[in-house]
Amino acid sequence: MQKRNFLAASLLSTLIAAGFSSAAFAANPVLKIGFVGVTSGPAASWGISNQRSMETRAAWINETGGVKIGGTTYDVQIVAFDDQKDPKRAIAGMEKMAQEGIHYVVGPNVDDGAAAVRPVAEQRGIMYFPYAFPKELYTKPASNAILGMVANYQSGPAIYKYLMKEKGIKKVAFVAANESDPLSQRDSGAAAAKALGLQVVSANVTYQVDTKDFTPVLLPVLKTQPDLLVLSGVAPAQAPQLIRSAREQGFKGLISTETAQDANVLKEGAGKLADGFISVGGASTPQLASDKMREFVARYTKKFGEYNDESNTKVYALEYILETLKANPKGLTDVKEFQKTMDSFSAPNPYMVGDAKLKYVGTTSFGQKRQVSVPLVVNVYKDGKFETMFVASVD
């Protein structure tokens, strides 16, 4: 009796083991996509939005059977690295991706990091999608970086033109953190404003990134009485502090930035004082959003308990990578093949209504197609949330 029980148990164990072995054998191979960006500190929400968007989309793809590229169906795995907004850590993150055999990376989120990783990306055969604006990353001889959003030198003029026409602004002032990213955005913003005929009344006031009291910073700027105060390259954690300080000093004009912001951070840090604040939003509006975009938002919210409007833009990078690889599977191991495909690439845009297409743009700005095509959505903050001010496009 004991022998029979032993044999039965052994047979059951063998069958279970065989079942697990079969299941493991049947699992899809894994396609790793990297993320190197900032997920801690004052600019954390930029990178958190990136990582969460990628993880939400990857989980959705895997849940529905994976992604078919060539004759193989893959599960998508996101490999993330927090560079802490430190160029040296960004380089270490990109080296980590190369060591894991990853050829496609989303990020970094800031200019210094994106510039720092360029040699690694080009030497190790990695295409990367920065959310950073220096044109030299996307113009020849550079070839491996693809701008994942609309640049400030594209959105700034659009915002200024709109406010000149609709609000009658004539004088503009700029203030920026004493870091390369915000300073670069300030300079290009001031140049664009002058080219449009605006009077730039202040463009030399800066603040340190650890500033807590912005009253002495803004006092000389506000004395110039601008119609528009531009917070160049402002980090989401510092935007409400600057807005609050300006309003408490009696500033009644418009306040804007060309960087994406977080409505929850604005609500918590500035409350009603942030009403009217203008910023670049995610690449979608209720009128533009498809059913798939709405499902993405619902999945993201369920997974993380909240949603960041900026993820309307950040959802696109992974989609572009996978769809371009579908168009040319040779790109899985050879980024030169990916680059060759970009010039003629076109695929349906799953996140917008109508016949919108995924395609690469940037010829006007960079002389080559090194930018994803996403709508330029400009938002205004009101009563705890963003509302669409206008929508434009970039070629």
Protein backbone atom coordinates (compact mmCIF):
# COMPACT_ATOMS: atom_id res chain seq x y z
CA MET A 1 0.00 0.00 0.00
CA GLN A 2 2.79 2.35 0.95
CA LYS A 3 4.65 1.42 -2.24
CA ARG A 4 1.61 2.18 -4.40
CA ASN A 5 1.17 5.54 -2.67
CA PHE A 6 4.83 6.30 -3.22
CA LEU A 7 4.58 5.40 -6.92
CA ALA A 8 1.44 7.51 -7.31
CA ALA A 9 3.06 10.45 -5.61
CA SER A 10 6.15 10.08 -7.77
CA LEU A 11 4.03 9.94 -10.92
CA LEU A 12 2.10 13.05 -9.83
CA SER A 13 5.37 14.89 -9.12
CA THR A 14 6.69 13.90 -12.52
CA LEU A 15 3.55 15.12 -14.27
CA ILE A 16 3.62 18.42 -12.36
CA ALA A 17 7.28 18.90 -13.18
CA ALA A 18 6.60 18.12 -16.83
CA GLY A 19 3.75 20.63 -16.79
CA PHE A 20 5.98 23.35 -15.40
CA SER A 21 8.68 22.45 -17.89
CA SER A 22 6.20 22.60 -20.76
CA ALA A 23 4.86 25.96 -19.53
CA ALA A 24 8.36 27.33 -19.27
CA PHE A 25 9.18 26.03 -22.72
CA ALA A 26 6.03 27.63 -24.14
CA ALA A 27 6.76 31.07 -22.65
CA ASN A 28 7.58 33.86 -25.08
CA PRO A 29 11.19 35.02 -25.38
CA VAL A 30 11.82 38.37 -23.70
CA LEU A 31 12.58 41.63 -25.49
CA LYS A 32 14.27 44.03 -23.07
CA ILE A 33 13.74 47.76 -23.49
CA GLY A 34 15.68 50.12 -21.22
CA PHE A 35 14.86 53.28 -19.34
CA VAL A 36 17.57 55.59 -18.00
CA GLY A 37 16.20 58.72 -16.37
CA VAL A 38 15.51 60.72 -13.25
CA THR A 39 13.01 59.20 -10.79
CA SER A 40 14.16 60.93 -7.60
CA GLY A 41 14.63 64.56 -6.57
CA PRO A 42 12.87 67.76 -7.77
CA ALA A 43 12.58 66.56 -11.39
CA ALA A 44 11.43 63.05 -10.43
CA SER A 45 7.97 63.27 -11.98
CA TRP A 46 9.48 63.56 -15.48
CA GLY A 47 11.18 60.18 -15.24
CA ILE A 48 8.51 58.51 -13.12
CA SER A 49 6.01 59.32 -15.87
CA ASN A 50 8.36 57.70 -18.40
CA GLN A 51 8.93 54.53 -16.41
CA ARG A 52 5.30 54.07 -15.39
CA SER A 53 4.09 54.61 -18.96
CA MET A 54 6.51 51.98 -20.25
CA GLU A 55 5.63 49.49 -17.51
CA THR A 56 1.89 50.00 -18.02
CA ARG A 57 2.15 49.46 -21.77
CA ALA A 58 4.51 46.47 -21.44
CA ALA A 59 2.18 44.75 -18.97
CA TRP A 60 -0.74 45.36 -21.32
CA ILE A 61 1.15 43.91 -24.29
CA ASN A 62 2.22 40.84 -22.34
CA GLU A 63 -1.27 40.29 -20.95
CA THR A 64 -2.66 40.20 -24.48
CA GLY A 65 -0.11 37.70 -25.82
CA GLY A 66 3.04 39.71 -26.50
CA VAL A 67 4.31 41.57 -29.56
CA LYS A 68 5.08 39.79 -32.83
CA ILE A 69 8.24 40.95 -34.59
CA GLY A 70 9.23 39.00 -37.66
CA GLY A 71 8.21 35.41 -36.98
CA THR A 72 8.66 35.56 -33.22
CA THR A 73 6.33 36.75 -30.47
CA TYR A 74 8.05 38.47 -27.53
CA ASP A 75 7.10 39.51 -24.03
CA VAL A 76 8.35 43.03 -23.27
CA GLN A 77 10.47 43.63 -20.17
CA ILE A 78 11.33 47.15 -18.99
CA VAL A 79 14.77 47.48 -17.42
CA ALA A 80 14.88 50.76 -15.46
CA PHE A 81 17.73 52.79 -13.99
CA ASP A 82 17.38 55.97 -11.89
CA ASP A 83 20.15 58.36 -12.96
CA GLN A 84 19.20 60.83 -10.20
CA LYS A 85 19.68 63.68 -12.71
CA ASP A 86 23.42 63.01 -12.56
CA PRO A 87 25.27 62.70 -15.92
CA LYS A 88 27.78 60.24 -14.43
CA ARG A 89 24.99 57.97 -13.27
CA ALA A 90 23.31 58.32 -16.67
CA ILE A 91 26.49 56.99 -18.28
CA ALA A 92 26.56 54.11 -15.78
CA GLY A 93 22.93 53.37 -16.61
CA MET A 94 23.59 53.27 -20.33
CA GLU A 95 26.60 50.99 -19.77
CA LYS A 96 24.33 48.69 -17.78
CA MET A 97 21.92 48.56 -20.71
CA ALA A 98 24.76 47.70 -23.11
CA GLN A 99 25.96 44.92 -20.80
CA GLU A 100 22.45 43.42 -20.82
CA GLY A 101 22.37 43.49 -24.62
CA ILE A 102 19.70 46.18 -24.77
CA HIS A 103 19.67 48.19 -28.01
CA TYR A 104 16.72 50.54 -27.29
CA VAL A 105 16.55 52.89 -24.32
CA VAL A 106 14.06 55.61 -23.35
CA GLY A 107 15.63 58.66 -21.66
CA PRO A 108 17.48 60.49 -20.18
CA ASN A 109 15.13 63.31 -19.22
CA VAL A 110 17.55 66.25 -19.06
CA ASP A 111 20.10 67.86 -21.37
CA ASP A 112 23.26 66.98 -19.41
CA GLY A 113 22.37 63.33 -19.11
CA ALA A 114 21.32 62.99 -22.73
CA ALA A 115 24.59 64.55 -23.92
CA ALA A 116 26.69 62.49 -21.52
CA VAL A 117 25.40 59.12 -22.76
CA ARG A 118 25.84 59.89 -26.45
CA PRO A 119 29.33 58.30 -26.78
CA VAL A 120 28.19 55.12 -25.04
CA ALA A 121 25.07 54.86 -27.20
CA GLU A 122 26.97 55.36 -30.44
CA GLN A 123 29.83 53.02 -29.49
CA ARG A 124 27.63 50.26 -28.07
CA GLY A 125 24.89 50.31 -30.71
CA ILE A 126 22.00 51.80 -28.71
CA MET A 127 19.18 53.98 -30.01
CA TYR A 128 17.92 56.24 -27.24
CA PHE A 129 14.89 58.50 -26.90
CA PRO A 130 15.82 61.51 -24.71
CA TYR A 131 13.45 64.15 -23.40
CA ALA A 132 16.17 66.76 -23.83
CA PHE A 133 16.52 69.63 -26.25
CA PRO A 134 20.13 70.29 -27.44
CA LYS A 135 20.01 70.25 -31.23
CA GLU A 136 23.47 68.69 -31.51
CA LEU A 137 22.01 65.42 -30.21
CA TYR A 138 19.76 65.13 -33.25
CA THR A 139 21.76 66.76 -36.05
CA LYS A 140 24.50 65.08 -38.07
CA PRO A 141 26.93 63.54 -37.32
CA ALA A 142 24.80 62.42 -34.34
CA SER A 143 22.52 59.59 -35.35
CA ASN A 144 21.43 57.52 -32.33
CA ALA A 145 19.21 59.95 -30.39
CA ILE A 146 15.52 60.53 -31.16
CA LEU A 147 13.71 63.39 -29.43
CA GLY A 148 10.72 61.93 -27.60
CA MET A 149 8.66 65.09 -27.31
CA VAL A 150 8.24 68.64 -28.64
CA ALA A 151 11.28 70.85 -27.89
CA ASN A 152 11.06 74.18 -26.09
CA TYR A 153 12.30 76.00 -29.21
CA GLN A 154 9.29 74.53 -30.99
CA SER A 155 6.69 75.00 -28.24
CA GLY A 156 7.92 78.40 -26.97
CA PRO A 157 7.22 80.36 -30.16
CA ALA A 158 3.83 78.66 -30.48
CA ILE A 159 2.89 79.71 -26.94
CA TYR A 160 4.16 83.28 -27.39
CA LYS A 161 2.30 83.70 -30.71
CA TYR A 162 -0.91 82.46 -29.15
CA LEU A 163 -0.61 84.78 -26.13
CA MET A 164 0.26 87.76 -28.33
CA LYS A 165 -2.86 87.19 -30.40
CA GLU A 166 -5.29 86.11 -27.68
CA LYS A 167 -4.01 87.98 -24.60
CA GLY A 168 -2.19 90.93 -26.14
CA ILE A 169 1.10 90.35 -24.35
CA LYS A 170 3.95 92.71 -25.26
CA LYS A 171 6.57 92.32 -22.51
CA VAL A 172 8.09 89.04 -21.33
CA ALA A 173 10.57 88.15 -18.56
CA PHE A 174 12.49 84.92 -18.03
CA VAL A 175 13.84 83.32 -14.86
CA ALA A 176 15.79 80.06 -14.73
CA ALA A 177 17.65 77.75 -12.38
CA ASN A 178 21.43 78.06 -12.59
CA GLU A 179 21.83 74.77 -14.49
CA SER A 180 22.62 74.09 -18.11
CA ASP A 181 19.15 72.78 -19.08
CA PRO A 182 17.08 75.73 -17.82
CA LEU A 183 19.68 78.27 -18.94
CA SER A 184 19.69 76.84 -22.45
CA GLN A 185 15.89 76.93 -22.54
CA ARG A 186 15.89 80.51 -21.26
CA ASP A 187 18.29 81.63 -23.98
CA SER A 188 16.36 79.97 -26.80
CA GLY A 189 13.07 81.26 -25.36
CA ALA A 190 14.34 84.83 -25.16
CA ALA A 191 15.67 84.63 -28.72
CA ALA A 192 12.31 83.33 -29.97
CA ALA A 193 10.42 86.05 -28.10
CA LYS A 194 12.61 88.79 -29.61
CA ALA A 195 12.19 87.31 -33.09
CA LEU A 196 8.42 87.58 -32.66
CA GLY A 197 8.68 91.23 -31.69
CA LEU A 198 8.16 90.86 -27.95
CA GLN A 199 10.08 93.10 -25.56
CA VAL A 200 12.29 90.96 -23.29
CA VAL A 201 12.46 93.01 -20.10
CA SER A 202 14.47 90.53 -18.01
CA ALA A 203 16.47 87.45 -18.96
CA ASN A 204 19.45 87.31 -16.62
CA VAL A 205 18.02 86.39 -13.20
CA THR A 206 18.80 82.87 -11.98
CA TYR A 207 18.33 80.83 -8.80
CA GLN A 208 20.13 77.89 -7.22
CA VAL A 209 18.38 74.52 -7.36
CA ASP A 210 18.20 74.30 -3.55
CA THR A 211 16.47 77.70 -3.23
CA LYS A 212 13.59 77.75 -0.72
CA ASP A 213 12.70 81.45 -0.64
CA PHE A 214 12.04 82.82 -4.14
CA THR A 215 10.98 86.30 -3.03
CA PRO A 216 14.43 87.91 -3.49
CA VAL A 217 14.88 86.01 -6.75
CA LEU A 218 11.66 87.28 -8.32
CA LEU A 219 11.62 90.80 -6.88
CA PRO A 220 13.89 92.39 -9.56
CA VAL A 221 12.12 90.43 -12.32
CA LEU A 222 8.65 91.55 -11.28
CA LYS A 223 9.80 95.17 -11.04
CA THR A 224 10.16 95.12 -14.84
CA GLN A 225 6.35 94.61 -15.02
CA PRO A 226 6.21 91.83 -17.66
CA ASP A 227 2.93 90.71 -19.16
CA LEU A 228 4.30 87.15 -19.19
CA LEU A 229 6.71 85.52 -16.74
CA VAL A 230 8.41 82.43 -18.21
CA LEU A 231 9.81 79.84 -15.80
CA SER A 232 12.40 78.36 -18.14
CA GLY A 233 12.98 74.63 -17.72
CA VAL A 234 11.40 74.66 -14.28
CA ALA A 235 11.36 71.35 -12.39
CA PRO A 236 7.87 70.23 -11.29
CA ALA A 237 8.74 70.48 -7.60
CA GLN A 238 9.87 74.11 -7.93
CA ALA A 239 7.12 75.42 -10.20
CA PRO A 240 4.52 75.83 -7.41
CA GLN A 241 7.06 77.63 -5.19
CA LEU A 242 7.86 80.14 -7.91
CA ILE A 243 4.20 80.64 -8.80
CA ARG A 244 3.23 81.14 -5.16
CA SER A 245 6.03 83.65 -4.62
CA ALA A 246 5.11 85.66 -7.73
CA ARG A 247 1.42 85.80 -6.83
CA GLU A 248 2.08 86.66 -3.19
CA GLN A 249 4.22 89.58 -4.38
CA GLY A 250 1.21 90.84 -6.33
CA PHE A 251 2.06 89.72 -9.87
CA LYS A 252 -1.15 89.68 -11.94
CA GLY A 253 0.28 88.72 -15.33
CA LEU A 254 0.53 85.36 -17.06
CA ILE A 255 3.01 82.66 -16.01
CA SER A 256 4.18 79.90 -18.34
CA THR A 257 6.82 77.25 -18.95
CA GLU A 258 7.83 75.03 -21.87
CA THR A 259 8.34 71.98 -19.63
CA ALA A 260 5.64 69.48 -18.67
CA GLN A 261 4.23 69.72 -15.16
CA ASP A 262 2.29 67.65 -12.62
CA ALA A 263 -1.19 68.87 -11.71
CA ASN A 264 -1.10 67.14 -8.31
CA VAL A 265 2.18 68.85 -7.40
CA LEU A 266 0.76 72.23 -8.45
CA LYS A 267 -2.38 71.62 -6.42
CA GLU A 268 -0.47 70.63 -3.30
CA GLY A 269 2.19 73.35 -3.59
CA ALA A 270 0.29 76.37 -4.87
CA GLY A 271 -3.44 75.59 -4.83
CA LYS A 272 -5.62 78.30 -6.37
CA LEU A 273 -2.57 80.51 -6.89
CA ALA A 274 -1.55 78.17 -9.73
CA ASP A 275 -4.77 78.83 -11.68
CA GLY A 276 -3.90 80.19 -15.12
CA PHE A 277 -0.42 78.62 -15.21
CA ILE A 278 0.45 77.60 -18.79
CA SER A 279 2.62 74.58 -19.62
CA VAL A 280 3.21 72.00 -22.31
CA GLY A 281 0.93 69.03 -21.72
CA GLY A 282 0.72 65.45 -22.78
CA ALA A 283 0.18 64.66 -26.45
CA SER A 284 -3.54 64.12 -26.12
CA THR A 285 -6.79 65.84 -25.24
CA PRO A 286 -10.26 64.36 -24.66
CA GLN A 287 -11.11 65.31 -28.25
CA LEU A 288 -7.99 63.60 -29.65
CA ALA A 289 -7.90 60.53 -27.43
CA SER A 290 -8.84 57.16 -28.91
CA ASP A 291 -10.41 54.29 -26.98
CA LYS A 292 -6.95 52.79 -26.67
CA MET A 293 -5.61 55.97 -25.06
CA ARG A 294 -8.48 55.95 -22.60
CA GLU A 295 -7.74 52.32 -21.79
CA PHE A 296 -4.06 53.19 -21.28
CA VAL A 297 -5.03 55.93 -18.81
CA ALA A 298 -7.34 53.52 -16.97
CA ARG A 299 -4.66 50.81 -16.77
CA TYR A 300 -2.00 53.29 -15.62
CA THR A 301 -4.32 54.70 -12.95
CA LYS A 302 -5.27 51.23 -11.70
CA LYS A 303 -1.62 50.15 -11.58
CA PHE A 304 -0.22 53.21 -9.80
CA GLY A 305 -3.22 54.84 -8.11
CA GLU A 306 -2.83 58.13 -9.97
CA TYR A 307 -2.20 59.53 -13.45
CA ASN A 308 0.16 62.17 -14.80
CA ASP A 309 -1.03 64.08 -17.88
CA GLU A 310 2.55 64.07 -19.18
CA SER A 311 2.18 60.32 -19.76
CA ASN A 312 -0.02 61.17 -22.73
CA THR A 313 3.33 61.97 -24.36
CA LYS A 314 5.50 59.40 -22.58
CA VAL A 315 3.40 56.46 -23.82
CA TYR A 316 4.71 57.01 -27.34
CA ALA A 317 8.41 56.08 -27.14
CA LEU A 318 7.88 52.37 -26.50
CA GLU A 319 5.21 52.26 -29.20
CA TYR A 320 7.58 53.82 -31.75
CA ILE A 321 10.33 51.35 -30.88
CA LEU A 322 8.12 48.29 -31.23
CA GLU A 323 6.33 49.44 -34.38
CA THR A 324 9.61 50.34 -36.11
CA LEU A 325 11.02 46.92 -35.20
CA LYS A 326 7.89 45.30 -36.64
CA ALA A 327 8.54 47.18 -39.87
CA ASN A 328 12.15 45.93 -39.97
CA PRO A 329 12.94 43.03 -37.60
CA LYS A 330 16.64 43.27 -38.51
CA GLY A 331 16.67 46.24 -36.15
CA LEU A 332 16.42 43.86 -33.19
CA THR A 333 20.20 43.39 -33.30
CA ASP A 334 21.33 46.17 -35.64
CA VAL A 335 20.35 49.77 -34.94
CA LYS A 336 21.60 50.81 -38.37
CA GLU A 337 18.67 48.87 -39.80
CA PHE A 338 16.36 50.75 -37.43
CA GLN A 339 17.80 54.06 -38.66
CA LYS A 340 17.30 53.10 -42.29
CA THR A 341 13.64 52.34 -41.60
CA MET A 342 12.93 55.68 -39.94
CA ASP A 343 12.84 57.81 -43.11
CA SER A 344 9.91 55.96 -44.65
CA PHE A 345 8.29 54.57 -41.49
CA SER A 346 4.57 55.05 -40.97
CA ALA A 347 2.06 53.18 -38.84
CA PRO A 348 -1.43 53.92 -37.47
CA ASN A 349 -1.41 56.01 -34.30
CA PRO A 350 -3.32 53.88 -31.78
CA TYR A 351 -3.74 56.73 -29.30
CA MET A 352 -5.48 59.29 -31.51
CA VAL A 353 -8.83 59.30 -33.28
CA GLY A 354 -9.01 59.57 -37.07
CA ASP A 355 -6.22 58.64 -39.45
CA ALA A 356 -3.28 59.98 -37.41
CA LYS A 357 0.05 58.25 -38.05
CA LEU A 358 3.16 57.35 -36.12
CA LYS A 359 6.05 58.81 -38.09
CA TYR A 360 9.42 60.41 -37.54
CA VAL A 361 9.78 64.16 -38.00
CA GLY A 362 12.34 66.85 -37.20
CA THR A 363 13.70 67.68 -40.64
CA THR A 364 13.07 71.42 -40.18
CA SER A 365 14.75 71.57 -36.77
CA PHE A 366 17.53 69.00 -37.23
CA GLY A 367 18.02 68.35 -40.93
CA GLN A 368 17.06 64.70 -40.45
CA LYS A 369 14.18 62.71 -39.00
CA ARG A 370 15.20 62.36 -35.36
CA GLN A 371 11.99 63.21 -33.51
CA VAL A 372 8.76 61.33 -32.85
CA SER A 373 5.61 62.96 -34.15
CA VAL A 374 3.32 63.83 -31.24
CA PRO A 375 0.81 66.68 -31.05
CA LEU A 376 1.94 69.86 -29.30
CA VAL A 377 -0.69 70.24 -26.59
CA VAL A 378 -0.51 73.41 -24.49
CA ASN A 379 -2.42 73.34 -21.21
CA VAL A 380 -3.64 75.84 -18.66
CA TYR A 381 -4.03 74.79 -15.02
CA LYS A 382 -7.36 75.47 -13.34
CA ASP A 383 -9.10 74.11 -10.23
CA GLY A 384 -6.68 71.25 -9.69
CA LYS A 385 -6.41 70.00 -13.25
CA PHE A 386 -5.16 70.87 -16.71
CA GLU A 387 -7.41 72.17 -19.47
CA THR A 388 -6.38 72.32 -23.13
CA MET A 389 -5.48 75.81 -24.32
CA PHE A 390 -4.56 74.87 -27.92
CA VAL A 391 -3.07 72.10 -30.06
CA ALA A 392 -0.39 72.45 -32.76
CA SER A 393 2.03 70.22 -34.65
CA VAL A 394 5.75 69.99 -35.51
CA ASP A 395 7.19 68.88 -38.87
